Amino acid sequence: MNKFNKVIAFGDSHVAGCELSSESSLDDYLSGKLTLEEADAPGKMLAFPQKLADKLNLPCENYALTGGSNDRSLRKLIEMIDSNSLVIFGYTSPDRKEFYYPDKGLYLGRDNDNFIQAGIQWTGAIDIASKKSNMVHPFNKVFLKTMQRSYDNVKDIYVCVDSICKAHRAHVLHLNMTANSYDFTDTIDGYSSYLSWCKDQNFKQLPFLHYGIDAHTKLSEILYDKILGLSSNS
């Protein structure tokens, strides 16, 4: 149990614990009072990576981002990977992309590194709510209409993530957070994705379609048992 020095997590809103703390943090982001990372911070303290780290008595660094893409998760992994870490890499829809956009302004989906996440996740209720503060996404409609293609590069990213973690002697849990079926990621109690597992377990869905504390608590227990199994077999 002492072979890891910390837990490092990457992924989208499900890994970031979006909606777990309160609706006000998301509202404060959409009104421009908080950055996206600041809005995510309270939920991360309640999300399954932190719960797993607490069970392992380890510090947790959660670099997941609400609306984040696999491209962003891979970029942050390269920046933040540390030797002997337990890495949680949550895969989201491959249709999401990121673009560097340093222009001044209040833009929907931009992180502290000035990369904007693009994709269908920034439409619907989020897009409508953002209009209250004149927060806009500068090119999402153009991206969805003319640039987005259905190329699924998740397995390519998996190979990169696996190689990076092995090079740093870090153990990685590859978790599919979306409804897609990937046979090369770790299963969640036999399920190929977090969303399909949550739906079958009848966990309550929150207003912006995330799952609550009960789902995160149970997932941390499943992952803890998986880590225990790794320790007993080593």
Protein backbone atom coordinates (compact mmCIF):
# COMPACT_ATOMS: atom_id res chain seq x y z
CA MET A 1 0.00 0.00 0.00
CA ASN A 2 2.98 2.32 0.37
CA LYS A 3 4.33 1.95 -3.15
CA PHE A 4 2.49 5.09 -4.40
CA ASN A 5 3.43 8.60 -3.29
CA LYS A 6 0.23 10.32 -4.44
CA VAL A 7 -2.89 10.07 -6.58
CA ILE A 8 -3.01 12.18 -9.76
CA ALA A 9 -6.27 12.43 -11.71
CA PHE A 10 -7.11 13.64 -15.22
CA GLY A 11 -10.40 13.78 -17.09
CA ASP A 12 -13.64 15.64 -17.60
CA SER A 13 -16.43 16.91 -15.33
CA HIS A 14 -17.17 13.43 -13.94
CA VAL A 15 -13.60 13.11 -12.65
CA ALA A 16 -13.66 16.75 -11.48
CA GLY A 17 -16.78 16.15 -9.37
CA CYS A 18 -18.89 18.75 -11.14
CA GLU A 19 -22.13 19.56 -9.22
CA LEU A 20 -21.02 17.71 -6.09
CA SER A 21 -20.47 20.75 -3.90
CA SER A 22 -23.30 23.08 -4.91
CA GLU A 23 -24.90 24.65 -7.95
CA SER A 24 -23.50 28.04 -6.93
CA SER A 25 -19.92 27.28 -8.03
CA LEU A 26 -21.06 26.55 -11.58
CA ASP A 27 -23.29 29.65 -11.50
CA ASP A 28 -20.34 31.73 -10.26
CA TYR A 29 -18.24 30.44 -13.16
CA LEU A 30 -20.92 31.23 -15.71
CA SER A 31 -21.26 34.73 -14.26
CA GLY A 32 -17.50 35.29 -14.55
CA LYS A 33 -16.78 35.39 -10.82
CA LEU A 34 -14.60 32.25 -10.90
CA THR A 35 -12.29 30.55 -13.37
CA LEU A 36 -13.26 27.08 -14.51
CA GLU A 37 -10.58 25.55 -12.27
CA GLU A 38 -11.81 27.58 -9.29
CA ALA A 39 -15.37 26.47 -9.91
CA ASP A 40 -14.25 22.83 -10.05
CA ALA A 41 -12.16 22.99 -6.86
CA PRO A 42 -14.92 22.36 -4.26
CA GLY A 43 -16.28 19.36 -6.16
CA LYS A 44 -12.84 17.82 -6.50
CA MET A 45 -12.64 17.53 -2.72
CA LEU A 46 -15.72 15.26 -2.86
CA ALA A 47 -14.96 13.35 -6.07
CA PHE A 48 -13.82 9.73 -6.27
CA PRO A 49 -10.08 10.47 -6.84
CA GLN A 50 -9.93 12.35 -3.52
CA LYS A 51 -11.99 9.66 -1.77
CA LEU A 52 -9.62 6.98 -3.09
CA ALA A 53 -6.58 8.99 -2.00
CA ASP A 54 -8.07 9.39 1.48
CA LYS A 55 -8.53 5.61 1.73
CA LEU A 56 -4.90 5.14 0.68
CA ASN A 57 -3.72 7.92 3.03
CA LEU A 58 -2.14 9.75 0.08
CA PRO A 59 -2.30 13.32 -1.22
CA CYS A 60 -4.44 13.89 -4.31
CA GLU A 61 -3.84 16.20 -7.25
CA ASN A 62 -6.89 16.40 -9.52
CA TYR A 63 -6.26 18.10 -12.88
CA ALA A 64 -9.62 17.15 -14.40
CA LEU A 65 -11.71 19.95 -15.91
CA THR A 66 -15.42 20.36 -16.47
CA GLY A 67 -15.90 20.18 -20.23
CA GLY A 68 -12.34 18.93 -20.66
CA SER A 69 -11.15 16.86 -23.62
CA ASN A 70 -8.88 13.83 -23.87
CA ASP A 71 -6.36 16.10 -25.59
CA ARG A 72 -6.24 18.34 -22.52
CA SER A 73 -5.95 15.38 -20.14
CA LEU A 74 -2.99 14.03 -22.10
CA ARG A 75 -1.33 17.47 -22.15
CA LYS A 76 -1.74 17.85 -18.39
CA LEU A 77 -0.47 14.31 -17.78
CA ILE A 78 2.74 15.13 -19.66
CA GLU A 79 3.15 18.29 -17.55
CA MET A 80 2.27 16.83 -14.15
CA ILE A 81 3.29 13.14 -14.17
CA ASP A 82 5.44 12.16 -11.23
CA SER A 83 7.31 8.94 -10.50
CA ASN A 84 5.60 6.30 -8.37
CA SER A 85 2.20 7.97 -8.65
CA LEU A 86 -1.19 6.29 -8.93
CA VAL A 87 -2.67 7.90 -12.03
CA ILE A 88 -6.40 8.00 -12.73
CA PHE A 89 -6.99 8.81 -16.40
CA GLY A 90 -10.67 9.27 -17.25
CA TYR A 91 -11.48 9.11 -20.98
CA THR A 92 -14.27 11.30 -22.33
CA SER A 93 -15.83 11.68 -25.78
CA PRO A 94 -13.18 11.76 -28.55
CA ASP A 95 -15.26 14.43 -30.33
CA ARG A 96 -14.02 17.01 -27.83
CA LYS A 97 -10.93 19.03 -28.79
CA GLU A 98 -8.86 21.88 -27.37
CA PHE A 99 -7.33 24.95 -29.00
CA TYR A 100 -4.89 27.54 -27.69
CA TYR A 101 -6.74 30.87 -27.44
CA PRO A 102 -4.87 33.60 -25.48
CA ASP A 103 -7.09 36.54 -26.59
CA LYS A 104 -8.34 38.79 -23.80
CA GLY A 105 -11.94 38.20 -22.77
CA LEU A 106 -14.34 36.01 -20.81
CA TYR A 107 -14.65 32.81 -22.80
CA LEU A 108 -16.67 29.70 -22.11
CA GLY A 109 -14.59 26.54 -21.73
CA ARG A 110 -11.16 28.17 -21.34
CA ASP A 111 -8.72 26.90 -18.70
CA ASN A 112 -5.95 28.73 -16.86
CA ASP A 113 -3.46 27.74 -19.59
CA ASN A 114 -5.52 29.65 -22.20
CA PHE A 115 -6.68 26.49 -23.94
CA ILE A 116 -10.36 26.44 -24.89
CA GLN A 117 -12.24 23.13 -24.89
CA ALA A 118 -14.60 22.71 -27.83
CA GLY A 119 -17.45 20.28 -28.43
CA ILE A 120 -21.10 19.55 -27.83
CA GLN A 121 -20.55 19.79 -24.06
CA TRP A 122 -20.66 23.59 -24.41
CA THR A 123 -24.13 23.64 -25.97
CA GLY A 124 -27.57 23.15 -24.43
CA ALA A 125 -28.17 24.16 -20.81
CA ILE A 126 -24.60 25.37 -20.21
CA ASP A 127 -24.70 27.61 -23.29
CA ILE A 128 -28.10 29.03 -22.34
CA ALA A 129 -27.00 29.71 -18.75
CA SER A 130 -23.83 31.47 -19.91
CA LYS A 131 -25.85 34.07 -21.79
CA LYS A 132 -26.82 35.63 -18.46
CA SER A 133 -23.29 37.01 -18.17
CA ASN A 134 -22.48 37.47 -21.86
CA MET A 135 -19.89 34.68 -21.54
CA VAL A 136 -19.38 33.23 -25.01
CA HIS A 137 -17.47 30.48 -26.72
CA PRO A 138 -15.67 32.22 -29.60
CA PHE A 139 -15.83 29.40 -32.15
CA ASN A 140 -17.78 26.41 -30.81
CA LYS A 141 -20.63 26.69 -33.32
CA VAL A 142 -18.13 26.86 -36.18
CA PHE A 143 -16.25 23.88 -34.73
CA LEU A 144 -19.40 21.76 -34.46
CA LYS A 145 -20.65 22.74 -37.91
CA THR A 146 -17.51 22.67 -40.05
CA MET A 147 -14.53 21.21 -38.13
CA GLN A 148 -15.72 18.37 -35.92
CA ARG A 149 -15.17 14.88 -37.26
CA SER A 150 -16.03 11.53 -35.67
CA TYR A 151 -12.47 10.16 -35.65
CA ASP A 152 -12.06 8.11 -32.47
CA ASN A 153 -8.47 8.46 -31.25
CA VAL A 154 -9.02 7.10 -27.72
CA LYS A 155 -6.91 3.99 -28.30
CA ASP A 156 -4.07 6.17 -29.61
CA ILE A 157 -4.27 8.30 -26.47
CA TYR A 158 -4.38 5.14 -24.34
CA VAL A 159 -1.06 4.00 -25.85
CA CYS A 160 0.49 7.41 -25.08
CA VAL A 161 -0.85 7.47 -21.52
CA ASP A 162 0.31 3.93 -20.83
CA SER A 163 3.81 4.61 -22.20
CA ILE A 164 4.20 7.86 -20.24
CA CYS A 165 3.15 6.21 -16.98
CA LYS A 166 5.43 3.21 -17.49
CA ALA A 167 8.36 5.53 -18.22
CA HIS A 168 7.75 7.25 -14.87
CA ARG A 169 7.13 4.02 -12.91
CA ALA A 170 3.56 5.19 -12.29
CA HIS A 171 0.58 2.85 -12.19
CA VAL A 172 -2.42 4.03 -14.21
CA LEU A 173 -6.11 3.21 -13.97
CA HIS A 174 -7.63 3.77 -17.43
CA LEU A 175 -11.30 4.61 -16.80
CA ASN A 176 -13.85 5.11 -19.55
CA MET A 177 -16.20 7.80 -18.26
CA THR A 178 -18.49 7.96 -21.33
CA ALA A 179 -21.09 5.61 -22.80
CA ASN A 180 -18.71 4.32 -25.48
CA SER A 181 -17.42 0.76 -25.13
CA TYR A 182 -13.65 0.33 -24.94
CA ASP A 183 -12.26 -3.13 -24.20
CA PHE A 184 -8.79 -1.77 -23.36
CA THR A 185 -9.82 0.31 -20.33
CA ASP A 186 -10.30 -0.90 -16.77
CA THR A 187 -13.82 -2.06 -16.08
CA ILE A 188 -15.90 -0.64 -13.24
CA ASP A 189 -17.40 -3.62 -11.45
CA GLY A 190 -17.62 -5.36 -14.83
CA TYR A 191 -19.02 -2.35 -16.72
CA SER A 192 -17.14 -0.82 -19.64
CA SER A 193 -17.99 2.78 -18.73
CA TYR A 194 -18.76 4.92 -15.70
CA LEU A 195 -22.01 6.21 -17.19
CA SER A 196 -23.38 2.74 -17.98
CA TRP A 197 -22.44 1.58 -14.47
CA CYS A 198 -24.14 4.58 -12.84
CA LYS A 199 -27.28 4.11 -14.89
CA ASP A 200 -27.56 0.42 -14.07
CA GLN A 201 -26.98 1.11 -10.36
CA ASN A 202 -29.82 3.68 -10.41
CA PHE A 203 -27.69 6.47 -9.00
CA LYS A 204 -29.46 9.83 -8.99
CA GLN A 205 -28.60 12.17 -11.84
CA LEU A 206 -28.06 15.85 -11.03
CA PRO A 207 -29.45 18.81 -13.08
CA PHE A 208 -26.45 18.97 -15.45
CA LEU A 209 -26.46 15.15 -15.85
CA HIS A 210 -23.63 14.27 -13.45
CA TYR A 211 -23.96 11.71 -10.68
CA GLY A 212 -23.91 12.42 -6.96
CA ILE A 213 -21.84 11.62 -3.89
CA ASP A 214 -23.15 8.05 -3.61
CA ALA A 215 -21.75 7.15 -7.04
CA HIS A 216 -18.36 8.71 -6.26
CA THR A 217 -18.17 6.97 -2.88
CA LYS A 218 -18.98 3.56 -4.37
CA LEU A 219 -16.53 4.03 -7.24
CA SER A 220 -13.74 4.90 -4.80
CA GLU A 221 -14.47 1.67 -2.92
CA ILE A 222 -14.30 -0.38 -6.13
CA LEU A 223 -10.99 1.23 -7.12
CA TYR A 224 -9.62 0.77 -3.60
CA ASP A 225 -10.34 -2.96 -3.80
CA LYS A 226 -8.62 -3.03 -7.19
CA ILE A 227 -5.51 -1.39 -5.70
CA LEU A 228 -5.59 -3.85 -2.80
CA GLY A 229 -5.60 -6.65 -5.35
CA LEU A 230 -2.57 -5.16 -7.08
CA SER A 231 -0.72 -5.00 -3.75
CA SER A 232 -1.54 -8.59 -2.83
CA ASN A 233 -0.34 -9.85 -6.22
CA SER A 234 2.93 -7.91 -6.19
